[in-house]
Amino acid sequence: MRVSETTTLAGREERQGRPYPLWIERAVFLLSVAGFVLFADDVNRWVDHPFAGPLIGYFLYPLSLLALAEWAGRFVQRRHGSKL
């Protein structure tokens, strides 16, 4: 049995969808990294607490930026995804 490149293990034929603009997701990630570098000290000072300030400024703030970048990437994937 010869399997073509577009046949899955389940035997389905798959067609090529629209190309995904990966550069948008990369740009959002780079913006989130830049936001962390530029504003982490400010977030630390805004909290103004010896333990919670560094925890929020250098741990929770970048994680929230990363989550936001991931959400934006999934939004772009949903909007530009294949309509097969």
N, C-alpha and C. Protein backbone atom coordinates (compact mmCIF):
# COMPACT_ATOMS: atom_id res chain seq x y z
N MET A 1 0.84 -1.18 0.00
CA MET A 1 0.00 0.00 0.00
C MET A 1 0.88 1.24 0.00
N ARG A 2 0.67 2.10 -0.94
CA ARG A 2 1.45 3.32 -1.06
C ARG A 2 0.64 4.48 -0.47
N VAL A 3 1.27 5.23 0.43
CA VAL A 3 0.60 6.35 1.08
C VAL A 3 1.13 7.64 0.48
N SER A 4 0.22 8.50 0.05
CA SER A 4 0.66 9.78 -0.51
C SER A 4 0.99 10.74 0.63
N GLU A 5 1.61 11.86 0.30
CA GLU A 5 2.01 12.82 1.30
C GLU A 5 0.83 13.47 2.01
N THR A 6 -0.30 13.55 1.35
CA THR A 6 -1.44 14.25 1.93
C THR A 6 -2.41 13.32 2.62
N THR A 7 -2.08 12.06 2.76
CA THR A 7 -2.96 11.12 3.44
C THR A 7 -2.48 10.94 4.88
N THR A 8 -3.39 11.02 5.83
CA THR A 8 -3.05 10.85 7.23
C THR A 8 -3.07 9.36 7.59
N LEU A 9 -2.68 9.06 8.81
CA LEU A 9 -2.71 7.68 9.27
C LEU A 9 -4.13 7.14 9.32
N ALA A 10 -5.10 8.02 9.49
CA ALA A 10 -6.51 7.61 9.52
C ALA A 10 -7.08 7.44 8.11
N GLY A 11 -6.28 7.74 7.08
CA GLY A 11 -6.73 7.55 5.72
C GLY A 11 -7.45 8.76 5.13
N ARG A 12 -7.42 9.89 5.82
CA ARG A 12 -8.08 11.10 5.30
C ARG A 12 -7.15 11.81 4.32
N GLU A 13 -7.75 12.38 3.31
CA GLU A 13 -7.00 13.24 2.41
C GLU A 13 -7.05 14.66 2.97
N GLU A 14 -5.90 15.31 3.06
CA GLU A 14 -5.85 16.68 3.57
C GLU A 14 -5.40 17.62 2.48
N ARG A 15 -6.03 18.77 2.45
CA ARG A 15 -5.67 19.80 1.49
C ARG A 15 -4.90 20.90 2.20
N GLN A 16 -4.09 21.59 1.45
CA GLN A 16 -3.31 22.69 1.99
C GLN A 16 -4.21 23.89 2.22
N GLY A 17 -4.15 24.48 3.41
CA GLY A 17 -4.96 25.65 3.74
C GLY A 17 -4.22 26.93 3.38
N ARG A 18 -4.79 28.04 3.82
CA ARG A 18 -4.15 29.32 3.57
C ARG A 18 -2.86 29.42 4.37
N PRO A 19 -1.86 30.14 3.87
CA PRO A 19 -0.62 30.30 4.64
C PRO A 19 -0.87 31.15 5.89
N TYR A 20 -0.23 30.75 6.97
CA TYR A 20 -0.41 31.45 8.24
C TYR A 20 0.64 32.54 8.40
N PRO A 21 0.23 33.75 8.74
CA PRO A 21 1.20 34.86 8.89
C PRO A 21 1.92 34.77 10.24
N LEU A 22 2.94 33.94 10.33
CA LEU A 22 3.67 33.72 11.57
C LEU A 22 4.37 34.98 12.07
N TRP A 23 4.67 35.90 11.20
CA TRP A 23 5.38 37.11 11.61
C TRP A 23 4.55 37.94 12.58
N ILE A 24 3.22 37.87 12.50
CA ILE A 24 2.37 38.62 13.42
C ILE A 24 2.55 38.08 14.83
N GLU A 25 2.56 36.77 14.97
CA GLU A 25 2.74 36.16 16.29
C GLU A 25 4.12 36.48 16.85
N ARG A 26 5.12 36.46 16.03
CA ARG A 26 6.48 36.80 16.48
C ARG A 26 6.57 38.26 16.90
N ALA A 27 5.91 39.14 16.16
CA ALA A 27 5.93 40.56 16.50
C ALA A 27 5.25 40.81 17.85
N VAL A 28 4.14 40.14 18.10
CA VAL A 28 3.44 40.30 19.38
C VAL A 28 4.32 39.78 20.51
N PHE A 29 5.01 38.67 20.30
CA PHE A 29 5.91 38.15 21.33
C PHE A 29 7.05 39.13 21.60
N LEU A 30 7.65 39.68 20.54
CA LEU A 30 8.73 40.64 20.74
C LEU A 30 8.25 41.90 21.44
N LEU A 31 7.01 42.33 21.15
CA LEU A 31 6.45 43.47 21.86
C LEU A 31 6.25 43.17 23.34
N SER A 32 5.86 41.95 23.66
CA SER A 32 5.68 41.60 25.06
C SER A 32 7.03 41.54 25.78
N VAL A 33 8.07 41.04 25.11
CA VAL A 33 9.41 41.04 25.71
C VAL A 33 9.88 42.48 25.93
N ALA A 34 9.66 43.33 24.94
CA ALA A 34 10.04 44.74 25.09
C ALA A 34 9.25 45.40 26.21
N GLY A 35 7.98 45.07 26.34
CA GLY A 35 7.17 45.62 27.43
C GLY A 35 7.69 45.19 28.78
N PHE A 36 8.16 43.95 28.90
CA PHE A 36 8.75 43.50 30.15
C PHE A 36 10.03 44.25 30.45
N VAL A 37 10.91 44.37 29.47
CA VAL A 37 12.19 45.04 29.68
C VAL A 37 11.97 46.50 30.06
N LEU A 38 11.03 47.15 29.41
CA LEU A 38 10.82 48.58 29.65
C LEU A 38 10.05 48.89 30.93
N PHE A 39 9.12 48.01 31.32
CA PHE A 39 8.21 48.37 32.41
C PHE A 39 8.28 47.50 33.65
N ALA A 40 9.15 46.51 33.72
CA ALA A 40 9.21 45.64 34.89
C ALA A 40 9.61 46.42 36.14
N ASP A 41 10.58 47.31 36.03
CA ASP A 41 10.97 48.12 37.19
C ASP A 41 9.84 49.04 37.63
N ASP A 42 9.11 49.59 36.67
CA ASP A 42 7.97 50.46 37.02
C ASP A 42 6.89 49.68 37.76
N VAL A 43 6.60 48.48 37.30
CA VAL A 43 5.60 47.65 37.97
C VAL A 43 6.07 47.32 39.39
N ASN A 44 7.34 47.01 39.53
CA ASN A 44 7.91 46.74 40.85
C ASN A 44 7.74 47.94 41.77
N ARG A 45 8.02 49.15 41.28
CA ARG A 45 7.87 50.36 42.09
C ARG A 45 6.41 50.69 42.38
N TRP A 46 5.51 50.43 41.42
CA TRP A 46 4.09 50.73 41.64
C TRP A 46 3.51 49.88 42.76
N VAL A 47 3.94 48.64 42.84
CA VAL A 47 3.42 47.76 43.90
C VAL A 47 3.93 48.23 45.26
N ASP A 48 5.18 48.67 45.33
CA ASP A 48 5.76 49.28 46.53
C ASP A 48 5.65 48.37 47.75
N HIS A 49 6.07 47.14 47.59
CA HIS A 49 6.10 46.19 48.70
C HIS A 49 7.40 45.40 48.58
N PRO A 50 8.10 45.14 49.71
CA PRO A 50 9.41 44.48 49.60
C PRO A 50 9.36 43.06 49.04
N PHE A 51 8.27 42.34 49.24
CA PHE A 51 8.20 40.96 48.72
C PHE A 51 7.28 40.86 47.51
N ALA A 52 6.13 41.51 47.57
CA ALA A 52 5.16 41.42 46.47
C ALA A 52 5.62 42.19 45.24
N GLY A 53 6.36 43.27 45.41
CA GLY A 53 6.83 44.07 44.28
C GLY A 53 7.68 43.27 43.31
N PRO A 54 8.78 42.65 43.80
CA PRO A 54 9.58 41.84 42.87
C PRO A 54 8.82 40.62 42.34
N LEU A 55 7.96 40.02 43.18
CA LEU A 55 7.19 38.86 42.73
C LEU A 55 6.28 39.24 41.57
N ILE A 56 5.60 40.35 41.69
CA ILE A 56 4.69 40.79 40.63
C ILE A 56 5.47 41.35 39.45
N GLY A 57 6.47 42.21 39.72
CA GLY A 57 7.20 42.88 38.65
C GLY A 57 8.04 41.96 37.79
N TYR A 58 8.64 40.92 38.43
CA TYR A 58 9.57 40.08 37.69
C TYR A 58 9.09 38.65 37.47
N PHE A 59 7.91 38.32 37.99
CA PHE A 59 7.40 36.98 37.79
C PHE A 59 6.00 36.99 37.19
N LEU A 60 5.06 37.62 37.86
CA LEU A 60 3.67 37.61 37.37
C LEU A 60 3.47 38.52 36.16
N TYR A 61 4.12 39.67 36.14
CA TYR A 61 3.99 40.59 35.01
C TYR A 61 4.49 39.95 33.70
N PRO A 62 5.70 39.35 33.66
CA PRO A 62 6.10 38.72 32.38
C PRO A 62 5.23 37.51 32.02
N LEU A 63 4.76 36.77 33.03
CA LEU A 63 3.87 35.65 32.71
C LEU A 63 2.55 36.13 32.13
N SER A 64 2.05 37.25 32.64
CA SER A 64 0.80 37.78 32.08
C SER A 64 1.03 38.32 30.67
N LEU A 65 2.19 38.93 30.42
CA LEU A 65 2.51 39.37 29.06
C LEU A 65 2.63 38.18 28.11
N LEU A 66 3.25 37.11 28.58
CA LEU A 66 3.38 35.91 27.76
C LEU A 66 2.01 35.30 27.47
N ALA A 67 1.14 35.28 28.47
CA ALA A 67 -0.22 34.75 28.27
C ALA A 67 -0.98 35.62 27.28
N LEU A 68 -0.81 36.93 27.38
CA LEU A 68 -1.47 37.84 26.44
C LEU A 68 -0.94 37.62 25.02
N ALA A 69 0.36 37.42 24.87
CA ALA A 69 0.94 37.15 23.54
C ALA A 69 0.42 35.83 22.98
N GLU A 70 0.29 34.83 23.84
CA GLU A 70 -0.25 33.53 23.40
C GLU A 70 -1.71 33.67 22.97
N TRP A 71 -2.48 34.42 23.75
CA TRP A 71 -3.88 34.65 23.40
C TRP A 71 -3.99 35.38 22.06
N ALA A 72 -3.15 36.38 21.86
CA ALA A 72 -3.17 37.12 20.59
C ALA A 72 -2.79 36.21 19.43
N GLY A 73 -1.82 35.33 19.64
CA GLY A 73 -1.43 34.39 18.59
C GLY A 73 -2.55 33.43 18.24
N ARG A 74 -3.26 32.95 19.25
CA ARG A 74 -4.40 32.06 18.98
C ARG A 74 -5.54 32.80 18.28
N PHE A 75 -5.72 34.06 18.63
CA PHE A 75 -6.74 34.87 17.97
C PHE A 75 -6.40 35.03 16.49
N VAL A 76 -5.13 35.31 16.20
CA VAL A 76 -4.69 35.46 14.80
C VAL A 76 -4.86 34.13 14.07
N GLN A 77 -4.52 33.02 14.73
CA GLN A 77 -4.68 31.71 14.10
C GLN A 77 -6.15 31.44 13.77
N ARG A 78 -7.03 31.81 14.69
CA ARG A 78 -8.46 31.58 14.46
C ARG A 78 -8.96 32.44 13.31
N ARG A 79 -8.49 33.67 13.23
CA ARG A 79 -8.95 34.57 12.17
C ARG A 79 -8.38 34.21 10.79
N HIS A 80 -7.14 33.72 10.76
CA HIS A 80 -6.48 33.43 9.49
C HIS A 80 -6.37 31.94 9.22
N GLY A 81 -7.03 31.13 10.00
CA GLY A 81 -6.90 29.70 9.85
C GLY A 81 -7.59 29.18 8.60
N SER A 82 -7.34 27.95 8.35
CA SER A 82 -7.93 27.28 7.19
C SER A 82 -9.43 27.11 7.39
N LYS A 83 -10.18 27.29 6.35
CA LYS A 83 -11.64 27.13 6.40
C LYS A 83 -12.05 25.83 5.74
N LEU A 84 -11.25 24.79 5.88
CA LEU A 84 -11.55 23.50 5.24
C LEU A 84 -12.68 22.79 5.92
